[in-house]
Amino acid sequence: MKIIIINGPNLNLLGKREPEVYGATGFEEYFSQLQMKYKDIQLAYFQSNIEGELIDKIQEVGFSYDGIILNTAAYTHTSVGLGDAVKAVTTPVVEVHISNTFNREDFRHVSYISAGAKGVILGFGLQSYELALQSFL
């Protein structure tokens, strides 16, 4: 089974950025823990701060992988293009957010990704990624 985690803008700063919201663990460290725990799954990871690169990656893997775990971060609330990319591919996508976006600013209550996603998991910190991963098993 091939699963990819795709992270959007500013998620490269996890562990440093607003630890009260996003926690104190960097994503690379967390990703290594997931790889150790789920050795039978071919896990890949991609992060970009650039919207077009995220769309390109979704298109690249969206017909050959078994699942995409997608945290488009702030682009969730602004990018029709990312939402369209999710709808365009055949690989199921689970939208993930570390924080509970409904406990935050009003603009974070809207997602252009959700309509094309298999499901949405939010508010469980980094564990949201593992919950998404388990949805593919």
C-alpha atoms as a PDB file:
ATOM      1  CA  MET A   1       0.000   0.000   0.000  1.00  0.00           C
ATOM      2  CA  LYS A   2       1.325   3.434  -0.999  1.00  0.00           C
ATOM      3  CA  ILE A   3       0.185   6.474   1.001  1.00  0.00           C
ATOM      4  CA  ILE A   4       1.534  10.005   0.717  1.00  0.00           C
ATOM      5  CA  ILE A   5       1.221  12.849   3.181  1.00  0.00           C
ATOM      6  CA  ILE A   6       1.154  16.234   1.460  1.00  0.00           C
ATOM      7  CA  ASN A   7       1.584  19.312   3.647  1.00  0.00           C
ATOM      8  CA  GLY A   8       1.055  22.911   2.625  1.00  0.00           C
ATOM      9  CA  PRO A   9       2.396  26.290   3.660  1.00  0.00           C
ATOM     10  CA  ASN A  10       4.196  26.881   6.940  1.00  0.00           C
ATOM     11  CA  LEU A  11       3.895  23.253   8.051  1.00  0.00           C
ATOM     12  CA  ASN A  12       7.662  22.988   7.561  1.00  0.00           C
ATOM     13  CA  LEU A  13       7.820  25.098  10.750  1.00  0.00           C
ATOM     14  CA  LEU A  14       6.010  22.581  12.961  1.00  0.00           C
ATOM     15  CA  GLY A  15       7.727  22.333  16.322  1.00  0.00           C
ATOM     16  CA  LYS A  16       8.811  25.976  16.086  1.00  0.00           C
ATOM     17  CA  ARG A  17       5.657  27.813  15.002  1.00  0.00           C
ATOM     18  CA  GLU A  18       2.937  28.537  17.557  1.00  0.00           C
ATOM     19  CA  PRO A  19       3.537  25.419  19.684  1.00  0.00           C
ATOM     20  CA  GLU A  20       0.413  26.203  21.726  1.00  0.00           C
ATOM     21  CA  VAL A  21      -1.625  25.579  18.545  1.00  0.00           C
ATOM     22  CA  TYR A  22       0.516  23.090  16.594  1.00  0.00           C
ATOM     23  CA  GLY A  23       2.595  21.326  19.257  1.00  0.00           C
ATOM     24  CA  ALA A  24       6.322  21.119  19.863  1.00  0.00           C
ATOM     25  CA  THR A  25       7.215  18.197  17.562  1.00  0.00           C
ATOM     26  CA  GLY A  26       8.640  18.797  14.107  1.00  0.00           C
ATOM     27  CA  PHE A  27       6.903  16.976  11.259  1.00  0.00           C
ATOM     28  CA  GLU A  28       9.992  15.073  10.099  1.00  0.00           C
ATOM     29  CA  GLU A  29      10.338  13.552  13.579  1.00  0.00           C
ATOM     30  CA  TYR A  30       6.663  12.625  13.628  1.00  0.00           C
ATOM     31  CA  PHE A  31       6.840  11.191  10.101  1.00  0.00           C
ATOM     32  CA  SER A  32       9.744   8.939  11.150  1.00  0.00           C
ATOM     33  CA  GLN A  33       7.611   7.626  14.016  1.00  0.00           C
ATOM     34  CA  LEU A  34       4.778   6.832  11.581  1.00  0.00           C
ATOM     35  CA  GLN A  35       7.178   5.000   9.271  1.00  0.00           C
ATOM     36  CA  MET A  36       8.454   2.888  12.177  1.00  0.00           C
ATOM     37  CA  LYS A  37       4.940   2.065  13.362  1.00  0.00           C
ATOM     38  CA  TYR A  38       3.520   1.265   9.903  1.00  0.00           C
ATOM     39  CA  LYS A  39       6.409  -0.639   8.305  1.00  0.00           C
ATOM     40  CA  ASP A  40       4.130  -2.528   5.904  1.00  0.00           C
ATOM     41  CA  ILE A  41       2.947   0.712   4.285  1.00  0.00           C
ATOM     42  CA  GLN A  42       5.058   2.601   1.787  1.00  0.00           C
ATOM     43  CA  LEU A  43       4.765   6.102   3.278  1.00  0.00           C
ATOM     44  CA  ALA A  44       5.942   9.158   1.374  1.00  0.00           C
ATOM     45  CA  TYR A  45       5.981  12.801   2.406  1.00  0.00           C
ATOM     46  CA  PHE A  46       5.933  16.075   0.469  1.00  0.00           C
ATOM     47  CA  GLN A  47       5.743  19.646   1.738  1.00  0.00           C
ATOM     48  CA  SER A  48       5.604  22.916  -0.149  1.00  0.00           C
ATOM     49  CA  ASN A  49       4.747  26.511   0.575  1.00  0.00           C
ATOM     50  CA  ILE A  50       3.811  26.954  -3.096  1.00  0.00           C
ATOM     51  CA  GLU A  51       0.234  26.272  -4.210  1.00  0.00           C
ATOM     52  CA  GLY A  52       1.143  25.140  -7.732  1.00  0.00           C
ATOM     53  CA  GLU A  53       3.672  22.607  -6.423  1.00  0.00           C
ATOM     54  CA  LEU A  54       0.973  21.099  -4.200  1.00  0.00           C
ATOM     55  CA  ILE A  55      -1.384  20.824  -7.188  1.00  0.00           C
ATOM     56  CA  ASP A  56       1.391  19.246  -9.273  1.00  0.00           C
ATOM     57  CA  LYS A  57       2.079  16.652  -6.555  1.00  0.00           C
ATOM     58  CA  ILE A  58      -1.608  15.761  -6.202  1.00  0.00           C
ATOM     59  CA  GLN A  59      -1.812  15.259  -9.971  1.00  0.00           C
ATOM     60  CA  GLU A  60       1.432  13.252 -10.007  1.00  0.00           C
ATOM     61  CA  VAL A  61       0.344  10.714  -7.345  1.00  0.00           C
ATOM     62  CA  GLY A  62      -3.428  10.976  -7.708  1.00  0.00           C
ATOM     63  CA  PHE A  63      -3.824   8.033 -10.075  1.00  0.00           C
ATOM     64  CA  SER A  64      -1.205   5.624  -8.715  1.00  0.00           C
ATOM     65  CA  TYR A  65      -1.214   5.855  -4.908  1.00  0.00           C
ATOM     66  CA  ASP A  66      -3.690   4.153  -2.582  1.00  0.00           C
ATOM     67  CA  GLY A  67      -4.280   7.264  -0.508  1.00  0.00           C
ATOM     68  CA  ILE A  68      -3.403  10.909  -0.025  1.00  0.00           C
ATOM     69  CA  ILE A  69      -3.391  12.531   3.398  1.00  0.00           C
ATOM     70  CA  LEU A  70      -3.636  16.226   2.639  1.00  0.00           C
ATOM     71  CA  ASN A  71      -3.108  19.220   4.895  1.00  0.00           C
ATOM     72  CA  THR A  72      -3.249  22.254   2.632  1.00  0.00           C
ATOM     73  CA  ALA A  73      -3.056  24.534   5.689  1.00  0.00           C
ATOM     74  CA  ALA A  74      -4.135  28.109   4.896  1.00  0.00           C
ATOM     75  CA  TYR A  75      -4.734  27.198   1.230  1.00  0.00           C
ATOM     76  CA  THR A  76      -7.675  25.109   2.455  1.00  0.00           C
ATOM     77  CA  HIS A  77      -9.664  28.303   2.848  1.00  0.00           C
ATOM     78  CA  THR A  78      -8.541  30.072  -0.333  1.00  0.00           C
ATOM     79  CA  SER A  79      -7.621  27.653  -3.119  1.00  0.00           C
ATOM     80  CA  VAL A  80     -10.256  26.615  -5.608  1.00  0.00           C
ATOM     81  CA  GLY A  81      -7.376  25.136  -7.637  1.00  0.00           C
ATOM     82  CA  LEU A  82      -6.393  22.696  -4.882  1.00  0.00           C
ATOM     83  CA  GLY A  83     -10.028  21.741  -4.398  1.00  0.00           C
ATOM     84  CA  ASP A  84     -10.340  21.075  -8.119  1.00  0.00           C
ATOM     85  CA  ALA A  85      -7.148  18.965  -8.079  1.00  0.00           C
ATOM     86  CA  VAL A  86      -8.571  16.775  -5.302  1.00  0.00           C
ATOM     87  CA  LYS A  87     -11.769  16.271  -7.314  1.00  0.00           C
ATOM     88  CA  ALA A  88      -9.801  15.506 -10.500  1.00  0.00           C
ATOM     89  CA  VAL A  89      -7.828  12.517  -9.206  1.00  0.00           C
ATOM     90  CA  THR A  90      -8.998   8.972  -8.493  1.00  0.00           C
ATOM     91  CA  THR A  91      -6.863   8.367  -5.399  1.00  0.00           C
ATOM     92  CA  PRO A  92      -8.937   8.933  -2.247  1.00  0.00           C
ATOM     93  CA  VAL A  93      -7.941  11.986  -0.219  1.00  0.00           C
ATOM     94  CA  VAL A  94      -8.374  12.563   3.503  1.00  0.00           C
ATOM     95  CA  GLU A  95      -8.204  16.218   4.486  1.00  0.00           C
ATOM     96  CA  VAL A  96      -6.312  16.747   7.741  1.00  0.00           C
ATOM     97  CA  HIS A  97      -5.807  19.682  10.068  1.00  0.00           C
ATOM     98  CA  ILE A  98      -3.768  19.690  13.246  1.00  0.00           C
ATOM     99  CA  SER A  99      -5.939  22.268  14.978  1.00  0.00           C
ATOM    100  CA  ASN A 100      -9.716  22.359  15.209  1.00  0.00           C
ATOM    101  CA  THR A 101     -10.327  24.954  12.522  1.00  0.00           C
ATOM    102  CA  PHE A 102     -13.850  25.548  13.862  1.00  0.00           C
ATOM    103  CA  ASN A 103     -12.348  26.861  17.126  1.00  0.00           C
ATOM    104  CA  ARG A 104     -10.419  29.489  15.188  1.00  0.00           C
ATOM    105  CA  GLU A 105     -11.128  32.507  12.997  1.00  0.00           C
ATOM    106  CA  ASP A 106     -14.319  32.463  10.933  1.00  0.00           C
ATOM    107  CA  PHE A 107     -12.473  32.316   7.601  1.00  0.00           C
ATOM    108  CA  ARG A 108     -11.016  28.935   8.693  1.00  0.00           C
ATOM    109  CA  HIS A 109     -14.526  27.447   8.826  1.00  0.00           C
ATOM    110  CA  VAL A 110     -14.628  27.215   5.005  1.00  0.00           C
ATOM    111  CA  SER A 111     -12.782  24.479   3.098  1.00  0.00           C
ATOM    112  CA  TYR A 112     -12.399  24.216  -0.656  1.00  0.00           C
ATOM    113  CA  ILE A 113     -10.915  20.732  -0.142  1.00  0.00           C
ATOM    114  CA  SER A 114     -13.662  18.952   1.834  1.00  0.00           C
ATOM    115  CA  ALA A 115     -16.151  18.530  -1.018  1.00  0.00           C
ATOM    116  CA  GLY A 116     -13.709  16.290  -2.902  1.00  0.00           C
ATOM    117  CA  ALA A 117     -12.299  14.461   0.098  1.00  0.00           C
ATOM    118  CA  LYS A 118     -13.138  10.972   1.346  1.00  0.00           C
ATOM    119  CA  GLY A 119     -13.241  12.465   4.830  1.00  0.00           C
ATOM    120  CA  VAL A 120     -11.957  15.218   7.098  1.00  0.00           C
ATOM    121  CA  ILE A 121     -10.038  14.833  10.356  1.00  0.00           C
ATOM    122  CA  LEU A 122      -9.179  17.862  12.451  1.00  0.00           C
ATOM    123  CA  GLY A 123      -8.312  18.950  15.925  1.00  0.00           C
ATOM    124  CA  PHE A 124      -6.299  15.967  17.176  1.00  0.00           C
ATOM    125  CA  GLY A 125      -2.859  17.495  16.791  1.00  0.00           C
ATOM    126  CA  LEU A 126      -0.348  15.444  14.846  1.00  0.00           C
ATOM    127  CA  GLN A 127      -2.417  12.357  15.674  1.00  0.00           C
ATOM    128  CA  SER A 128      -4.839  13.586  12.988  1.00  0.00           C
ATOM    129  CA  TYR A 129      -2.386  12.188  10.411  1.00  0.00           C
ATOM    130  CA  GLU A 130      -2.367   8.741  11.996  1.00  0.00           C
ATOM    131  CA  LEU A 131      -6.163   8.704  12.179  1.00  0.00           C
ATOM    132  CA  ALA A 132      -6.236   9.529   8.469  1.00  0.00           C
ATOM    133  CA  LEU A 133      -3.720   6.772   7.771  1.00  0.00           C
ATOM    134  CA  GLN A 134      -5.849   4.263   9.655  1.00  0.00           C
ATOM    135  CA  SER A 135      -8.836   5.183   7.477  1.00  0.00           C
ATOM    136  CA  PHE A 136      -7.025   3.580   4.535  1.00  0.00           C
ATOM    137  CA  LEU A 137      -6.307   0.287   6.304  1.00  0.00           C
END
